Amino acid sequence: MRKSYFFIVSKSNLTFLLILFSGVLFSQNQAIAIKPKNNFWKNAQFGGGFGLNIGSGFTDITLAPSGIYNFNQSFSLGIGLQGSFVSSKNNYTSAIYGMSLISLVNPIEDIQLSFELEQLRVNRTVIMDGGPNLKDNFWNTGLFVGVGYGSDNVIVGVRYNVLYKESDFVYNTAFMPFVRVYWPQK
């Protein structure tokens, strides 16, 4: 009789221990399952610009990819690269490359404010008739404040370079129109 009493007590102790350990194991699985997902790429958008102007003795090619990260529906921050080549037959050639930092603010749904800091390296050669070519290499900094209107991923607007000087030889005016396109990630 004693054996059966010991067997019953052992069986209940064993059942209690199994329930206790299964509860511990189940809670461990729950902690792993609740781990948050990384939404970085879901909030990132990529876009940029491309320009091509070819005429009689004139060529202008520009490539400017960029990417932004949307912190929320009202604020985005990003970085862009820019490279361009300009050539005017028997006048000058110019290679421009650099990068920019951009912040976008949407105070209301269809209006976008932009602030962009741009740093460009300009390598220019002016062709002189009957003399040596003039080479001019310099850095150009631009600080643009812009406003645009649009919906979803296409914004059309104008930006103003607050650091513009007529002697910069990069842009011919402080005001510039823009079309900004960023494709959302899926």
Protein backbone atom coordinates (compact mmCIF):
# COMPACT_ATOMS: atom_id res chain seq x y z
CA MET A 1 0.00 0.00 0.00
CA ARG A 2 2.81 2.28 0.70
CA LYS A 3 4.09 1.93 -2.82
CA SER A 4 0.84 3.11 -4.31
CA TYR A 5 0.69 6.13 -1.97
CA PHE A 6 4.25 7.07 -2.98
CA PHE A 7 3.35 6.54 -6.62
CA ILE A 8 0.29 8.84 -6.31
CA VAL A 9 2.29 11.56 -4.51
CA SER A 10 5.10 11.30 -7.06
CA LYS A 11 2.62 11.44 -9.90
CA SER A 12 1.04 14.65 -8.53
CA ASN A 13 4.48 16.17 -7.92
CA LEU A 14 5.49 15.27 -11.45
CA THR A 15 2.29 16.82 -12.84
CA PHE A 16 2.91 20.00 -10.83
CA LEU A 17 6.51 20.24 -12.09
CA LEU A 18 5.42 19.70 -15.72
CA ILE A 19 2.82 22.46 -15.45
CA LEU A 20 5.36 24.79 -13.83
CA PHE A 21 8.07 24.19 -16.47
CA SER A 22 5.63 24.34 -19.39
CA GLY A 23 4.43 27.72 -18.10
CA VAL A 24 8.03 28.94 -17.98
CA LEU A 25 8.72 27.64 -21.50
CA PHE A 26 5.49 29.16 -22.82
CA SER A 27 6.35 32.56 -21.37
CA GLN A 28 9.79 32.37 -23.01
CA ASN A 29 8.19 31.75 -26.41
CA GLN A 30 5.84 34.71 -25.94
CA ALA A 31 8.75 37.11 -25.30
CA ILE A 32 10.40 36.07 -28.54
CA ALA A 33 7.17 36.36 -30.54
CA ILE A 34 6.51 39.96 -29.37
CA LYS A 35 9.84 41.25 -30.70
CA PRO A 36 9.14 44.42 -32.79
CA LYS A 37 9.83 44.44 -36.53
CA ASN A 38 12.35 46.76 -38.16
CA ASN A 39 10.36 49.21 -40.34
CA PHE A 40 13.36 51.19 -41.62
CA TRP A 41 12.94 50.21 -45.29
CA LYS A 42 9.17 50.64 -45.10
CA ASN A 43 9.71 54.32 -44.17
CA ALA A 44 12.45 54.95 -46.75
CA GLN A 45 11.81 56.45 -50.20
CA PHE A 46 14.13 56.81 -53.15
CA GLY A 47 14.01 59.15 -56.13
CA GLY A 48 16.00 61.92 -57.69
CA GLY A 49 16.44 63.73 -60.94
CA PHE A 50 17.90 63.30 -64.39
CA GLY A 51 18.54 66.06 -66.91
CA LEU A 52 19.63 65.94 -70.53
CA ASN A 53 20.06 68.99 -72.76
CA ILE A 54 21.71 68.47 -76.13
CA GLY A 55 21.90 71.15 -78.79
CA SER A 56 24.13 72.41 -81.56
CA GLY A 57 27.56 72.28 -79.92
CA PHE A 58 26.08 72.16 -76.41
CA THR A 59 25.67 69.22 -73.99
CA ASP A 60 24.36 69.19 -70.42
CA ILE A 61 23.90 65.87 -68.59
CA THR A 62 22.84 65.71 -64.92
CA LEU A 63 22.17 62.76 -62.63
CA ALA A 64 20.98 63.36 -59.05
CA PRO A 65 19.76 60.33 -57.05
CA SER A 66 18.48 60.82 -53.52
CA GLY A 67 16.79 59.06 -50.65
CA ILE A 68 14.72 60.18 -47.68
CA TYR A 69 13.49 58.62 -44.46
CA ASN A 70 9.95 59.49 -43.34
CA PHE A 71 9.93 59.91 -39.56
CA ASN A 72 6.18 60.54 -39.69
CA GLN A 73 3.63 62.01 -42.13
CA SER A 74 4.93 65.55 -41.55
CA PHE A 75 8.74 65.25 -41.45
CA SER A 76 11.38 63.58 -43.64
CA LEU A 77 15.16 63.80 -43.76
CA GLY A 78 17.46 62.62 -46.52
CA ILE A 79 20.64 62.76 -48.54
CA GLY A 80 21.33 63.21 -52.23
CA LEU A 81 24.19 62.98 -54.69
CA GLN A 82 24.62 65.11 -57.78
CA GLY A 83 26.83 64.89 -60.82
CA SER A 84 26.73 66.87 -64.06
CA PHE A 85 28.78 67.50 -67.16
CA VAL A 86 28.36 70.63 -69.29
CA SER A 87 30.17 71.35 -72.52
CA SER A 88 29.86 74.21 -74.97
CA LYS A 89 31.88 73.59 -78.12
CA ASN A 90 34.94 75.87 -78.31
CA ASN A 91 33.82 77.80 -75.16
CA TYR A 92 34.03 75.78 -71.95
CA THR A 93 33.60 72.45 -70.21
CA SER A 94 32.49 71.89 -66.65
CA ALA A 95 32.19 68.90 -64.34
CA ILE A 96 30.17 69.38 -61.16
CA TYR A 97 29.71 66.80 -58.40
CA GLY A 98 28.67 66.86 -54.79
CA MET A 99 26.05 66.00 -52.23
CA SER A 100 23.15 67.53 -50.35
CA LEU A 101 21.19 67.12 -47.13
CA ILE A 102 17.45 67.74 -47.37
CA SER A 103 14.63 68.05 -44.87
CA LEU A 104 10.99 68.05 -45.91
CA VAL A 105 8.13 69.35 -43.79
CA ASN A 106 4.46 68.89 -44.71
CA PRO A 107 2.49 71.35 -42.51
CA ILE A 108 -0.73 70.41 -44.34
CA GLU A 109 -1.47 67.52 -46.69
CA ASP A 110 -0.65 68.98 -50.14
CA ILE A 111 1.97 71.62 -49.18
CA GLN A 112 5.64 70.75 -48.70
CA LEU A 113 8.38 73.00 -47.31
CA SER A 114 11.98 72.03 -48.03
CA PHE A 115 15.34 73.02 -46.61
CA GLU A 116 18.41 71.81 -48.49
CA LEU A 117 22.12 72.26 -47.89
CA GLU A 118 24.18 71.54 -51.01
CA GLN A 119 27.96 71.30 -51.39
CA LEU A 120 29.31 71.07 -54.95
CA ARG A 121 32.79 70.78 -56.40
CA VAL A 122 33.11 72.63 -59.71
CA ASN A 123 35.91 71.86 -62.18
CA ARG A 124 35.67 74.30 -65.10
CA THR A 125 37.85 74.90 -68.14
CA VAL A 126 37.32 78.02 -70.25
CA ILE A 127 38.71 77.72 -73.77
CA MET A 128 40.58 80.86 -74.85
CA ASP A 129 41.18 81.69 -78.52
CA GLY A 130 44.88 82.14 -79.16
CA GLY A 131 45.87 81.62 -75.53
CA PRO A 132 46.07 79.04 -72.79
CA ASN A 133 42.85 77.56 -71.42
CA LEU A 134 41.77 78.88 -68.03
CA LYS A 135 41.10 76.25 -65.39
CA ASP A 136 38.95 77.15 -62.43
CA ASN A 137 38.27 74.63 -59.64
CA PHE A 138 36.22 75.67 -56.61
CA TRP A 139 33.62 74.63 -54.04
CA ASN A 140 30.12 76.07 -54.10
CA THR A 141 27.70 75.94 -51.17
CA GLY A 142 23.97 76.46 -51.57
CA LEU A 143 21.28 76.76 -48.92
CA PHE A 144 17.84 76.35 -50.48
CA VAL A 145 14.46 77.12 -48.97
CA GLY A 146 11.58 75.82 -51.03
CA VAL A 147 7.83 75.39 -51.18
CA GLY A 148 5.94 72.91 -53.30
CA TYR A 149 2.47 71.62 -54.03
CA GLY A 150 1.47 68.10 -54.96
CA SER A 151 0.14 64.79 -53.81
CA ASP A 152 1.55 61.40 -52.88
CA ASN A 153 5.08 61.14 -54.25
CA VAL A 154 5.21 64.04 -56.79
CA ILE A 155 5.77 67.64 -55.66
CA VAL A 156 6.15 70.68 -57.98
CA GLY A 157 7.50 73.92 -56.60
CA VAL A 158 10.18 76.58 -56.43
CA ARG A 159 13.26 76.93 -54.24
CA TYR A 160 15.43 79.93 -53.38
CA ASN A 161 19.20 79.84 -52.72
CA VAL A 162 19.78 82.20 -49.78
CA LEU A 163 23.59 82.00 -50.32
CA TYR A 164 23.40 82.88 -54.04
CA LYS A 165 26.05 85.24 -55.45
CA GLU A 166 26.32 86.26 -59.10
CA SER A 167 30.00 85.28 -59.08
CA ASP A 168 29.26 81.61 -58.20
CA PHE A 169 29.07 80.48 -61.85
CA VAL A 170 27.00 77.43 -60.89
CA TYR A 171 23.43 78.74 -61.08
CA ASN A 172 22.34 81.75 -63.11
CA THR A 173 19.60 82.79 -60.65
CA ALA A 174 18.70 82.31 -56.99
CA PHE A 175 15.17 81.03 -57.82
CA MET A 176 14.82 77.57 -59.33
CA PRO A 177 11.74 75.50 -60.13
CA PHE A 178 11.76 71.82 -59.16
CA VAL A 179 9.84 68.60 -59.59
CA ARG A 180 10.50 66.21 -56.71
CA VAL A 181 9.59 62.52 -57.08
CA TYR A 182 10.09 59.85 -54.41
CA TRP A 183 8.83 56.30 -54.82
CA PRO A 184 7.55 54.57 -51.69
CA GLN A 185 8.93 51.15 -50.75
CA LYS A 186 6.54 48.20 -50.75
